[in-house]
Amino acid sequence: MTKPTSTDINDYEILIRRRGEDDYASYCPQLAHMIKGTAHEEVEDAMKQFVMDHIESLRAAAGSAEA
């Protein structure tokens, strides 16, 4: 599976699942990445940051390719 190359955050889905009292997971199917935690906000914020880091790395790579 190749990683997406979109720099539009709206192209990435964040799915959140409660699996127990203090057991949450977020998943981004486009990046095939899961994050586990103990609170909804924790896993949501962590996944948003993961997606933003991916987008920033794409932009950095595009910038260095142009130089």
PDB file of N, CA and C in Angstrom:
ATOM      1  N   MET A   1       0.846  -1.186   0.000  1.00  0.00           N
ATOM      2  CA  MET A   1       0.000   0.000   0.000  1.00  0.00           C
ATOM      3  C   MET A   1       0.885   1.241   0.000  1.00  0.00           C
ATOM      4  N   THR A   2       0.619   2.131  -0.934  1.00  0.00           N
ATOM      5  CA  THR A   2       1.375   3.375  -0.971  1.00  0.00           C
ATOM      6  C   THR A   2       0.665   4.431  -0.141  1.00  0.00           C
ATOM      7  N   LYS A   3       1.459   5.254   0.508  1.00  0.00           N
ATOM      8  CA  LYS A   3       0.886   6.318   1.338  1.00  0.00           C
ATOM      9  C   LYS A   3       0.345   7.418   0.439  1.00  0.00           C
ATOM     10  N   PRO A   4      -0.763   8.027   0.835  1.00  0.00           N
ATOM     11  CA  PRO A   4      -1.333   9.103   0.018  1.00  0.00           C
ATOM     12  C   PRO A   4      -0.407  10.312  -0.026  1.00  0.00           C
ATOM     13  N   THR A   5      -0.545  11.068  -1.094  1.00  0.00           N
ATOM     14  CA  THR A   5       0.312  12.239  -1.281  1.00  0.00           C
ATOM     15  C   THR A   5      -0.468  13.545  -1.195  1.00  0.00           C
ATOM     16  N   SER A   6      -1.699  13.482  -0.757  1.00  0.00           N
ATOM     17  CA  SER A   6      -2.523  14.686  -0.645  1.00  0.00           C
ATOM     18  C   SER A   6      -2.064  15.535   0.534  1.00  0.00           C
ATOM     19  N   THR A   7      -2.031  16.847   0.327  1.00  0.00           N
ATOM     20  CA  THR A   7      -1.714  17.771   1.417  1.00  0.00           C
ATOM     21  C   THR A   7      -2.977  18.447   1.944  1.00  0.00           C
ATOM     22  N   ASP A   8      -4.133  17.928   1.563  1.00  0.00           N
ATOM     23  CA  ASP A   8      -5.418  18.436   2.057  1.00  0.00           C
ATOM     24  C   ASP A   8      -5.876  17.548   3.213  1.00  0.00           C
ATOM     25  N   ILE A   9      -5.945  18.118   4.409  1.00  0.00           N
ATOM     26  CA  ILE A   9      -6.309  17.333   5.595  1.00  0.00           C
ATOM     27  C   ILE A   9      -7.685  16.699   5.461  1.00  0.00           C
ATOM     28  N   ASN A  10      -8.554  17.283   4.661  1.00  0.00           N
ATOM     29  CA  ASN A  10      -9.903  16.735   4.477  1.00  0.00           C
ATOM     30  C   ASN A  10      -9.920  15.434   3.682  1.00  0.00           C
ATOM     31  N   ASP A  11      -8.793  15.069   3.100  1.00  0.00           N
ATOM     32  CA  ASP A  11      -8.697  13.805   2.374  1.00  0.00           C
ATOM     33  C   ASP A  11      -8.381  12.626   3.297  1.00  0.00           C
ATOM     34  N   TYR A  12      -8.201  12.898   4.585  1.00  0.00           N
ATOM     35  CA  TYR A  12      -7.845  11.871   5.552  1.00  0.00           C
ATOM     36  C   TYR A  12      -8.971  11.692   6.563  1.00  0.00           C
ATOM     37  N   GLU A  13      -9.440  10.460   6.701  1.00  0.00           N
ATOM     38  CA  GLU A  13     -10.495  10.160   7.671  1.00  0.00           C
ATOM     39  C   GLU A  13      -9.864   9.777   9.008  1.00  0.00           C
ATOM     40  N   ILE A  14     -10.538  10.160  10.083  1.00  0.00           N
ATOM     41  CA  ILE A  14     -10.137   9.734  11.415  1.00  0.00           C
ATOM     42  C   ILE A  14     -11.340   9.034  12.039  1.00  0.00           C
ATOM     43  N   LEU A  15     -11.185   7.748  12.275  1.00  0.00           N
ATOM     44  CA  LEU A  15     -12.240   6.942  12.867  1.00  0.00           C
ATOM     45  C   LEU A  15     -11.880   6.680  14.324  1.00  0.00           C
ATOM     46  N   ILE A  16     -12.848   6.833  15.215  1.00  0.00           N
ATOM     47  CA  ILE A  16     -12.600   6.631  16.640  1.00  0.00           C
ATOM     48  C   ILE A  16     -13.561   5.583  17.168  1.00  0.00           C
ATOM     49  N   ARG A  17     -13.012   4.686  17.952  1.00  0.00           N
ATOM     50  CA  ARG A  17     -13.814   3.595  18.511  1.00  0.00           C
ATOM     51  C   ARG A  17     -13.552   3.472  20.003  1.00  0.00           C
ATOM     52  N   ARG A  18     -14.627   3.385  20.746  1.00  0.00           N
ATOM     53  CA  ARG A  18     -14.526   3.109  22.177  1.00  0.00           C
ATOM     54  C   ARG A  18     -14.610   1.606  22.351  1.00  0.00           C
ATOM     55  N   ARG A  19     -13.573   1.039  22.972  1.00  0.00           N
ATOM     56  CA  ARG A  19     -13.513  -0.416  23.096  1.00  0.00           C
ATOM     57  C   ARG A  19     -13.663  -0.881  24.536  1.00  0.00           C
ATOM     58  N   GLY A  20     -13.876   0.024  25.443  1.00  0.00           N
ATOM     59  CA  GLY A  20     -14.035  -0.312  26.853  1.00  0.00           C
ATOM     60  C   GLY A  20     -14.187   0.973  27.638  1.00  0.00           C
ATOM     61  N   GLU A  21     -14.222   0.844  28.953  1.00  0.00           N
ATOM     62  CA  GLU A  21     -14.414   2.035  29.794  1.00  0.00           C
ATOM     63  C   GLU A  21     -13.338   3.090  29.549  1.00  0.00           C
ATOM     64  N   ASP A  22     -12.075   2.691  29.567  1.00  0.00           N
ATOM     65  CA  ASP A  22     -10.955   3.609  29.341  1.00  0.00           C
ATOM     66  C   ASP A  22     -10.073   3.092  28.218  1.00  0.00           C
ATOM     67  N   ASP A  23     -10.663   2.653  27.145  1.00  0.00           N
ATOM     68  CA  ASP A  23      -9.913   2.051  26.042  1.00  0.00           C
ATOM     69  C   ASP A  23     -10.456   2.571  24.719  1.00  0.00           C
ATOM     70  N   TYR A  24      -9.725   3.476  24.101  1.00  0.00           N
ATOM     71  CA  TYR A  24     -10.130   4.096  22.846  1.00  0.00           C
ATOM     72  C   TYR A  24      -9.065   3.847  21.793  1.00  0.00           C
ATOM     73  N   ALA A  25      -9.494   3.894  20.546  1.00  0.00           N
ATOM     74  CA  ALA A  25      -8.553   3.772  19.436  1.00  0.00           C
ATOM     75  C   ALA A  25      -9.004   4.700  18.317  1.00  0.00           C
ATOM     76  N   SER A  26      -8.027   5.322  17.681  1.00  0.00           N
ATOM     77  CA  SER A  26      -8.314   6.098  16.472  1.00  0.00           C
ATOM     78  C   SER A  26      -7.558   5.445  15.323  1.00  0.00           C
ATOM     79  N   TYR A  27      -8.142   5.535  14.139  1.00  0.00           N
ATOM     80  CA  TYR A  27      -7.572   4.880  12.966  1.00  0.00           C
ATOM     81  C   TYR A  27      -7.730   5.791  11.761  1.00  0.00           C
ATOM     82  N   CYS A  28      -6.679   5.886  10.991  1.00  0.00           N
ATOM     83  CA  CYS A  28      -6.728   6.618   9.721  1.00  0.00           C
ATOM     84  C   CYS A  28      -6.509   5.599   8.607  1.00  0.00           C
ATOM     85  N   PRO A  29      -7.574   5.235   7.880  1.00  0.00           N
ATOM     86  CA  PRO A  29      -7.435   4.207   6.848  1.00  0.00           C
ATOM     87  C   PRO A  29      -6.494   4.599   5.713  1.00  0.00           C
ATOM     88  N   GLN A  30      -6.435   5.874   5.386  1.00  0.00           N
ATOM     89  CA  GLN A  30      -5.565   6.311   4.295  1.00  0.00           C
ATOM     90  C   GLN A  30      -4.089   6.094   4.636  1.00  0.00           C
ATOM     91  N   LEU A  31      -3.747   6.192   5.914  1.00  0.00           N
ATOM     92  CA  LEU A  31      -2.360   6.001   6.336  1.00  0.00           C
ATOM     93  C   LEU A  31      -2.144   4.645   7.001  1.00  0.00           C
ATOM     94  N   ALA A  32      -3.221   3.866   7.141  1.00  0.00           N
ATOM     95  CA  ALA A  32      -3.165   2.541   7.785  1.00  0.00           C
ATOM     96  C   ALA A  32      -2.451   2.631   9.127  1.00  0.00           C
ATOM     97  N   HIS A  33      -2.916   3.580   9.954  1.00  0.00           N
ATOM     98  CA  HIS A  33      -2.267   3.821  11.244  1.00  0.00           C
ATOM     99  C   HIS A  33      -3.307   3.869  12.355  1.00  0.00           C
ATOM    100  N   MET A  34      -3.002   3.201  13.482  1.00  0.00           N
ATOM    101  CA  MET A  34      -3.899   3.189  14.635  1.00  0.00           C
ATOM    102  C   MET A  34      -3.151   3.724  15.849  1.00  0.00           C
ATOM    103  N   ILE A  35      -3.882   4.475  16.667  1.00  0.00           N
ATOM    104  CA  ILE A  35      -3.353   4.990  17.926  1.00  0.00           C
ATOM    105  C   ILE A  35      -4.325   4.587  19.033  1.00  0.00           C
ATOM    106  N   LYS A  36      -3.780   4.041  20.116  1.00  0.00           N
ATOM    107  CA  LYS A  36      -4.602   3.639  21.264  1.00  0.00           C
ATOM    108  C   LYS A  36      -4.380   4.608  22.412  1.00  0.00           C
ATOM    109  N   GLY A  37      -5.419   4.768  23.232  1.00  0.00           N
ATOM    110  CA  GLY A  37      -5.306   5.632  24.403  1.00  0.00           C
ATOM    111  C   GLY A  37      -6.446   5.392  25.358  1.00  0.00           C
ATOM    112  N   THR A  38      -6.541   6.261  26.361  1.00  0.00           N
ATOM    113  CA  THR A  38      -7.542   6.083  27.408  1.00  0.00           C
ATOM    114  C   THR A  38      -8.677   7.093  27.332  1.00  0.00           C
ATOM    115  N   ALA A  39      -8.621   8.037  26.385  1.00  0.00           N
ATOM    116  CA  ALA A  39      -9.673   9.045  26.271  1.00  0.00           C
ATOM    117  C   ALA A  39      -9.912   9.387  24.807  1.00  0.00           C
ATOM    118  N   HIS A  40     -11.159   9.703  24.493  1.00  0.00           N
ATOM    119  CA  HIS A  40     -11.553  10.064  23.128  1.00  0.00           C
ATOM    120  C   HIS A  40     -10.692  11.210  22.600  1.00  0.00           C
ATOM    121  N   GLU A  41     -10.603  12.284  23.368  1.00  0.00           N
ATOM    122  CA  GLU A  41      -9.857  13.462  22.927  1.00  0.00           C
ATOM    123  C   GLU A  41      -8.380  13.137  22.720  1.00  0.00           C
ATOM    124  N   GLU A  42      -7.844  12.280  23.579  1.00  0.00           N
ATOM    125  CA  GLU A  42      -6.434  11.899  23.479  1.00  0.00           C
ATOM    126  C   GLU A  42      -6.124  11.248  22.134  1.00  0.00           C
ATOM    127  N   VAL A  43      -6.930  10.256  21.744  1.00  0.00           N
ATOM    128  CA  VAL A  43      -6.652   9.547  20.492  1.00  0.00           C
ATOM    129  C   VAL A  43      -7.010  10.404  19.277  1.00  0.00           C
ATOM    130  N   GLU A  44      -8.035  11.236  19.397  1.00  0.00           N
ATOM    131  CA  GLU A  44      -8.400  12.122  18.297  1.00  0.00           C
ATOM    132  C   GLU A  44      -7.294  13.143  18.037  1.00  0.00           C
ATOM    133  N   ASP A  45      -6.826  13.796  19.099  1.00  0.00           N
ATOM    134  CA  ASP A  45      -5.774  14.799  18.951  1.00  0.00           C
ATOM    135  C   ASP A  45      -4.472  14.179  18.449  1.00  0.00           C
ATOM    136  N   ALA A  46      -4.142  12.992  18.954  1.00  0.00           N
ATOM    137  CA  ALA A  46      -2.915  12.319  18.521  1.00  0.00           C
ATOM    138  C   ALA A  46      -2.974  11.960  17.039  1.00  0.00           C
ATOM    139  N   MET A  47      -4.145  11.516  16.570  1.00  0.00           N
ATOM    140  CA  MET A  47      -4.266  11.162  15.153  1.00  0.00           C
ATOM    141  C   MET A  47      -4.241  12.405  14.269  1.00  0.00           C
ATOM    142  N   LYS A  48      -4.885  13.474  14.714  1.00  0.00           N
ATOM    143  CA  LYS A  48      -4.822  14.720  13.945  1.00  0.00           C
ATOM    144  C   LYS A  48      -3.375  15.170  13.799  1.00  0.00           C
ATOM    145  N   GLN A  49      -2.614  15.065  14.882  1.00  0.00           N
ATOM    146  CA  GLN A  49      -1.203  15.450  14.831  1.00  0.00           C
ATOM    147  C   GLN A  49      -0.421  14.532  13.899  1.00  0.00           C
ATOM    148  N   PHE A  50      -0.718  13.232  13.932  1.00  0.00           N
ATOM    149  CA  PHE A  50      -0.046  12.280  13.053  1.00  0.00           C
ATOM    150  C   PHE A  50      -0.304  12.624  11.581  1.00  0.00           C
ATOM    151  N   VAL A  51      -1.561  12.937  11.264  1.00  0.00           N
ATOM    152  CA  VAL A  51      -1.918  13.300   9.888  1.00  0.00           C
ATOM    153  C   VAL A  51      -1.215  14.600   9.490  1.00  0.00           C
ATOM    154  N   MET A  52      -1.214  15.586  10.387  1.00  0.00           N
ATOM    155  CA  MET A  52      -0.555  16.863  10.085  1.00  0.00           C
ATOM    156  C   MET A  52       0.949  16.668   9.891  1.00  0.00           C
ATOM    157  N   ASP A  53       1.559  15.798  10.687  1.00  0.00           N
ATOM    158  CA  ASP A  53       2.984  15.507  10.516  1.00  0.00           C
ATOM    159  C   ASP A  53       3.239  14.861   9.157  1.00  0.00           C
ATOM    160  N   HIS A  54       2.350  13.976   8.734  1.00  0.00           N
ATOM    161  CA  HIS A  54       2.473  13.344   7.415  1.00  0.00           C
ATOM    162  C   HIS A  54       2.387  14.408   6.316  1.00  0.00           C
ATOM    163  N   ILE A  55       1.424  15.301   6.429  1.00  0.00           N
ATOM    164  CA  ILE A  55       1.255  16.364   5.430  1.00  0.00           C
ATOM    165  C   ILE A  55       2.484  17.271   5.406  1.00  0.00           C
ATOM    166  N   GLU A  56       3.000  17.630   6.573  1.00  0.00           N
ATOM    167  CA  GLU A  56       4.189  18.480   6.637  1.00  0.00           C
ATOM    168  C   GLU A  56       5.394  17.798   6.005  1.00  0.00           C
ATOM    169  N   SER A  57       5.535  16.483   6.197  1.00  0.00           N
ATOM    170  CA  SER A  57       6.649  15.767   5.585  1.00  0.00           C
ATOM    171  C   SER A  57       6.520  15.749   4.063  1.00  0.00           C
ATOM    172  N   LEU A  58       5.280  15.667   3.568  1.00  0.00           N
ATOM    173  CA  LEU A  58       5.053  15.736   2.121  1.00  0.00           C
ATOM    174  C   LEU A  58       5.443  17.108   1.577  1.00  0.00           C
ATOM    175  N   ARG A  59       5.058  18.142   2.298  1.00  0.00           N
ATOM    176  CA  ARG A  59       5.393  19.502   1.865  1.00  0.00           C
ATOM    177  C   ARG A  59       6.897  19.739   1.911  1.00  0.00           C
ATOM    178  N   ALA A  60       7.549  19.236   2.947  1.00  0.00           N
ATOM    179  CA  ALA A  60       9.003  19.386   3.065  1.00  0.00           C
ATOM    180  C   ALA A  60       9.712  18.659   1.928  1.00  0.00           C
ATOM    181  N   ALA A  61       9.241  17.458   1.612  1.00  0.00           N
ATOM    182  CA  ALA A  61       9.834  16.694   0.520  1.00  0.00           C
ATOM    183  C   ALA A  61       9.640  17.400  -0.816  1.00  0.00           C
ATOM    184  N   ALA A  62       8.466  17.993  -1.002  1.00  0.00           N
ATOM    185  CA  ALA A  62       8.198  18.720  -2.249  1.00  0.00           C
ATOM    186  C   ALA A  62       9.070  19.960  -2.326  1.00  0.00           C
ATOM    187  N   GLY A  63       9.268  20.616  -1.189  1.00  0.00           N
ATOM    188  CA  GLY A  63      10.115  21.814  -1.160  1.00  0.00           C
ATOM    189  C   GLY A  63      11.572  21.492  -1.448  1.00  0.00           C
ATOM    190  N   SER A  64      12.086  20.384  -0.912  1.00  0.00           N
ATOM    191  CA  SER A  64      13.485  20.020  -1.146  1.00  0.00           C
ATOM    192  C   SER A  64      13.660  19.486  -2.576  1.00  0.00           C
ATOM    193  N   ALA A  65      12.621  18.936  -3.161  1.00  0.00           N
ATOM    194  CA  ALA A  65      12.703  18.452  -4.539  1.00  0.00           C
ATOM    195  C   ALA A  65      12.785  19.611  -5.526  1.00  0.00           C
ATOM    196  N   GLU A  66      12.179  20.741  -5.137  1.00  0.00           N
ATOM    197  CA  GLU A  66      12.209  21.916  -6.011  1.00  0.00           C
ATOM    198  C   GLU A  66      13.517  22.671  -5.906  1.00  0.00           C
ATOM    199  N   ALA A  67      14.230  22.497  -4.810  1.00  0.00           N
ATOM    200  CA  ALA A  67      15.483  23.253  -4.594  1.00  0.00           C
ATOM    201  C   ALA A  67      16.636  22.710  -5.382  1.00  0.00           C
TER     202      ALA A  67
END
